[in-house]
Amino acid sequence: MTHIFVSHATRDRKLLVSLERALQSQSKGELTIWHSDNLTVGLDWTREIQRRIVIADAYVLLVTESYSQSLDSAYEMGMISQAHQNRHVPAIPVWQHPATPELSPLRNLLGVSLPQTNSRDFEEALQRAADQILKAVDQSISSRKNGVRSCLLPSPG
């Protein structure tokens, strides 16, 4: 079972649900997606986030305008950045306009772009993004099994 941790801003729940659906539909049931909306009342938020980041096979960061302004998202981004560097697990930003990669600490990570949710091209772009994310995760898992440290998103195509 592959585990993906998705970092998102609370305001972006609709986008999160759409991406989660797209990933699940392409993964053939071999995927566990975890995000802070899965937290159970009474759990230590910080400890549970850290635990989920440690066991993840990949990190997806939904970078939107709301994400860029969220303190919780900044906290998760910091933990993911550290884990990404230490564990060589892919960290894949999913940029949605008007979030700008140039101003983000994630600007050096190759990611995917999505149009606004109400765009005509949104569903198609979402499916392409899910496909690229799953390919990157599969490549990373295969590389780690073979002792190679790779955490790059494959080129579109």
Protein backbone atom coordinates (compact mmCIF):
# COMPACT_ATOMS: atom_id res chain seq x y z
CA MET A 1 0.00 0.00 0.00
CA THR A 2 1.33 3.43 -0.98
CA HIS A 3 0.87 6.32 1.47
CA ILE A 4 0.58 9.92 0.28
CA PHE A 5 0.45 12.84 2.69
CA VAL A 6 -1.39 15.88 1.31
CA SER A 7 -0.72 19.27 2.86
CA HIS A 8 -3.44 21.83 2.18
CA ALA A 9 -5.12 24.92 3.58
CA THR A 10 -8.48 24.40 5.26
CA ARG A 11 -10.10 26.78 2.74
CA ASP A 12 -9.02 24.51 -0.11
CA ARG A 13 -11.12 21.53 0.93
CA LYS A 14 -12.95 21.42 -2.41
CA LEU A 15 -9.65 21.22 -4.30
CA LEU A 16 -8.37 18.58 -1.86
CA VAL A 17 -11.44 16.39 -2.39
CA SER A 18 -11.14 16.74 -6.19
CA LEU A 19 -7.46 15.75 -6.17
CA GLU A 20 -8.09 12.89 -3.76
CA ARG A 21 -10.82 11.54 -6.06
CA ALA A 22 -8.57 11.81 -9.12
CA LEU A 23 -5.69 10.02 -7.36
CA GLN A 24 -7.94 7.25 -6.03
CA SER A 25 -9.58 6.70 -9.43
CA GLN A 26 -6.19 6.18 -11.09
CA SER A 27 -4.52 4.16 -8.32
CA LYS A 28 -6.66 1.00 -8.52
CA GLY A 29 -7.17 0.93 -4.74
CA GLU A 30 -3.50 0.62 -3.81
CA LEU A 31 -3.30 4.08 -2.27
CA THR A 32 -3.86 5.61 1.14
CA ILE A 33 -4.20 9.39 1.11
CA TRP A 34 -3.87 11.18 4.42
CA HIS A 35 -4.44 14.86 5.24
CA SER A 36 -5.29 16.88 8.33
CA ASP A 37 -9.03 16.53 7.66
CA ASN A 38 -8.56 12.88 8.71
CA LEU A 39 -7.61 13.88 12.25
CA THR A 40 -9.70 12.39 15.02
CA VAL A 41 -10.96 14.62 17.83
CA GLY A 42 -8.67 14.39 20.86
CA LEU A 43 -5.46 13.53 19.00
CA ASP A 44 -2.34 15.64 19.37
CA TRP A 45 -2.39 17.47 16.01
CA THR A 46 1.37 18.04 15.86
CA ARG A 47 2.31 14.49 16.79
CA GLU A 48 -0.17 12.94 14.35
CA ILE A 49 0.99 15.16 11.47
CA GLN A 50 4.61 14.22 12.22
CA ARG A 51 3.73 10.52 12.37
CA ARG A 52 1.94 10.65 9.02
CA ILE A 53 4.82 12.54 7.41
CA VAL A 54 7.29 9.91 8.62
CA ILE A 55 5.35 7.00 7.10
CA ALA A 56 4.46 8.71 3.81
CA ASP A 57 5.86 7.50 0.50
CA ALA A 58 5.25 10.94 -1.03
CA TYR A 59 4.15 14.44 -0.11
CA VAL A 60 1.73 16.51 -2.15
CA LEU A 61 1.40 20.17 -1.28
CA LEU A 62 -1.67 22.00 -2.61
CA VAL A 63 -0.16 25.44 -3.02
CA THR A 64 -2.84 28.07 -3.41
CA GLU A 65 -3.21 31.63 -2.27
CA SER A 66 -4.81 30.35 0.96
CA TYR A 67 -1.98 27.86 1.50
CA SER A 68 0.60 30.62 1.16
CA GLN A 69 -1.13 32.58 3.94
CA SER A 70 -1.76 29.70 6.38
CA LEU A 71 0.41 29.24 9.48
CA ASP A 72 -0.61 25.58 9.76
CA SER A 73 0.41 25.02 6.14
CA ALA A 74 3.75 26.74 6.76
CA TYR A 75 4.34 24.41 9.71
CA GLU A 76 3.52 21.31 7.60
CA MET A 77 5.65 22.63 4.73
CA GLY A 78 8.63 22.96 7.08
CA MET A 79 8.25 19.39 8.35
CA ILE A 80 7.77 18.07 4.82
CA SER A 81 10.82 19.97 3.55
CA GLN A 82 12.98 18.44 6.27
CA ALA A 83 11.60 14.93 5.71
CA HIS A 84 11.98 15.34 1.94
CA GLN A 85 15.67 16.15 2.35
CA ASN A 86 16.35 13.46 4.97
CA ARG A 87 14.31 10.60 3.48
CA HIS A 88 14.53 11.40 -0.25
CA VAL A 89 10.78 10.99 -0.61
CA PRO A 90 9.16 13.06 -3.38
CA ALA A 91 7.60 16.36 -2.38
CA ILE A 92 5.32 17.47 -5.18
CA PRO A 93 3.80 20.94 -5.17
CA VAL A 94 0.51 21.32 -7.00
CA TRP A 95 0.32 25.01 -7.90
CA GLN A 96 -3.01 26.67 -8.43
CA HIS A 97 -3.04 30.21 -9.78
CA PRO A 98 -2.62 32.84 -8.33
CA ALA A 99 -0.05 31.08 -6.09
CA THR A 100 3.35 31.91 -7.56
CA PRO A 101 6.22 29.42 -7.36
CA GLU A 102 8.80 32.20 -7.62
CA LEU A 103 7.87 33.47 -4.14
CA SER A 104 7.62 30.09 -2.43
CA PRO A 105 10.20 28.09 -0.48
CA LEU A 106 9.06 25.23 -2.76
CA ARG A 107 10.17 27.05 -5.93
CA ASN A 108 13.02 24.57 -6.55
CA LEU A 109 10.71 21.56 -6.61
CA LEU A 110 9.29 20.45 -9.91
CA GLY A 111 5.53 20.34 -9.58
CA VAL A 112 2.33 20.50 -11.54
CA SER A 113 0.01 23.43 -12.24
CA LEU A 114 -3.76 23.53 -12.08
CA PRO A 115 -6.13 26.16 -13.42
CA GLN A 116 -8.83 27.62 -11.18
CA THR A 117 -11.46 25.12 -10.04
CA ASN A 118 -14.17 26.78 -12.17
CA SER A 119 -12.06 26.60 -15.36
CA ARG A 120 -13.24 24.48 -18.31
CA ASP A 121 -9.86 22.73 -18.33
CA PHE A 122 -9.82 21.93 -14.61
CA GLU A 123 -10.95 18.28 -14.71
CA GLU A 124 -8.55 17.36 -17.51
CA ALA A 125 -5.67 19.16 -15.78
CA LEU A 126 -6.55 17.44 -12.51
CA GLN A 127 -6.39 14.00 -14.16
CA ARG A 128 -3.00 14.85 -15.71
CA ALA A 129 -1.73 16.07 -12.33
CA ALA A 130 -2.89 12.87 -10.62
CA ASP A 131 -1.18 10.80 -13.31
CA GLN A 132 2.10 12.69 -12.90
CA ILE A 133 1.96 12.42 -9.11
CA LEU A 134 1.36 8.66 -9.23
CA LYS A 135 4.19 8.17 -11.75
CA ALA A 136 6.57 10.12 -9.50
CA VAL A 137 5.53 8.06 -6.47
CA ASP A 138 5.97 4.76 -8.35
CA GLN A 139 9.37 5.88 -9.66
CA SER A 140 10.50 6.90 -6.19
CA ILE A 141 9.37 3.63 -4.57
CA SER A 142 11.09 1.59 -7.32
CA SER A 143 14.27 3.64 -6.97
CA ARG A 144 14.36 3.22 -3.20
CA LYS A 145 13.88 -0.55 -3.56
CA ASN A 146 16.91 -0.55 -5.86
CA GLY A 147 18.97 1.64 -3.54
CA VAL A 148 18.77 4.75 -5.73
CA ARG A 149 17.78 8.08 -4.21
CA SER A 150 15.40 9.74 -6.62
CA CYS A 151 12.67 12.20 -5.86
CA LEU A 152 12.07 13.94 -9.14
CA LEU A 153 8.74 14.42 -10.83
CA PRO A 154 8.86 12.83 -14.28
CA SER A 155 8.66 15.08 -17.29
CA PRO A 156 5.15 15.50 -18.72
CA GLY A 157 4.49 13.38 -21.72
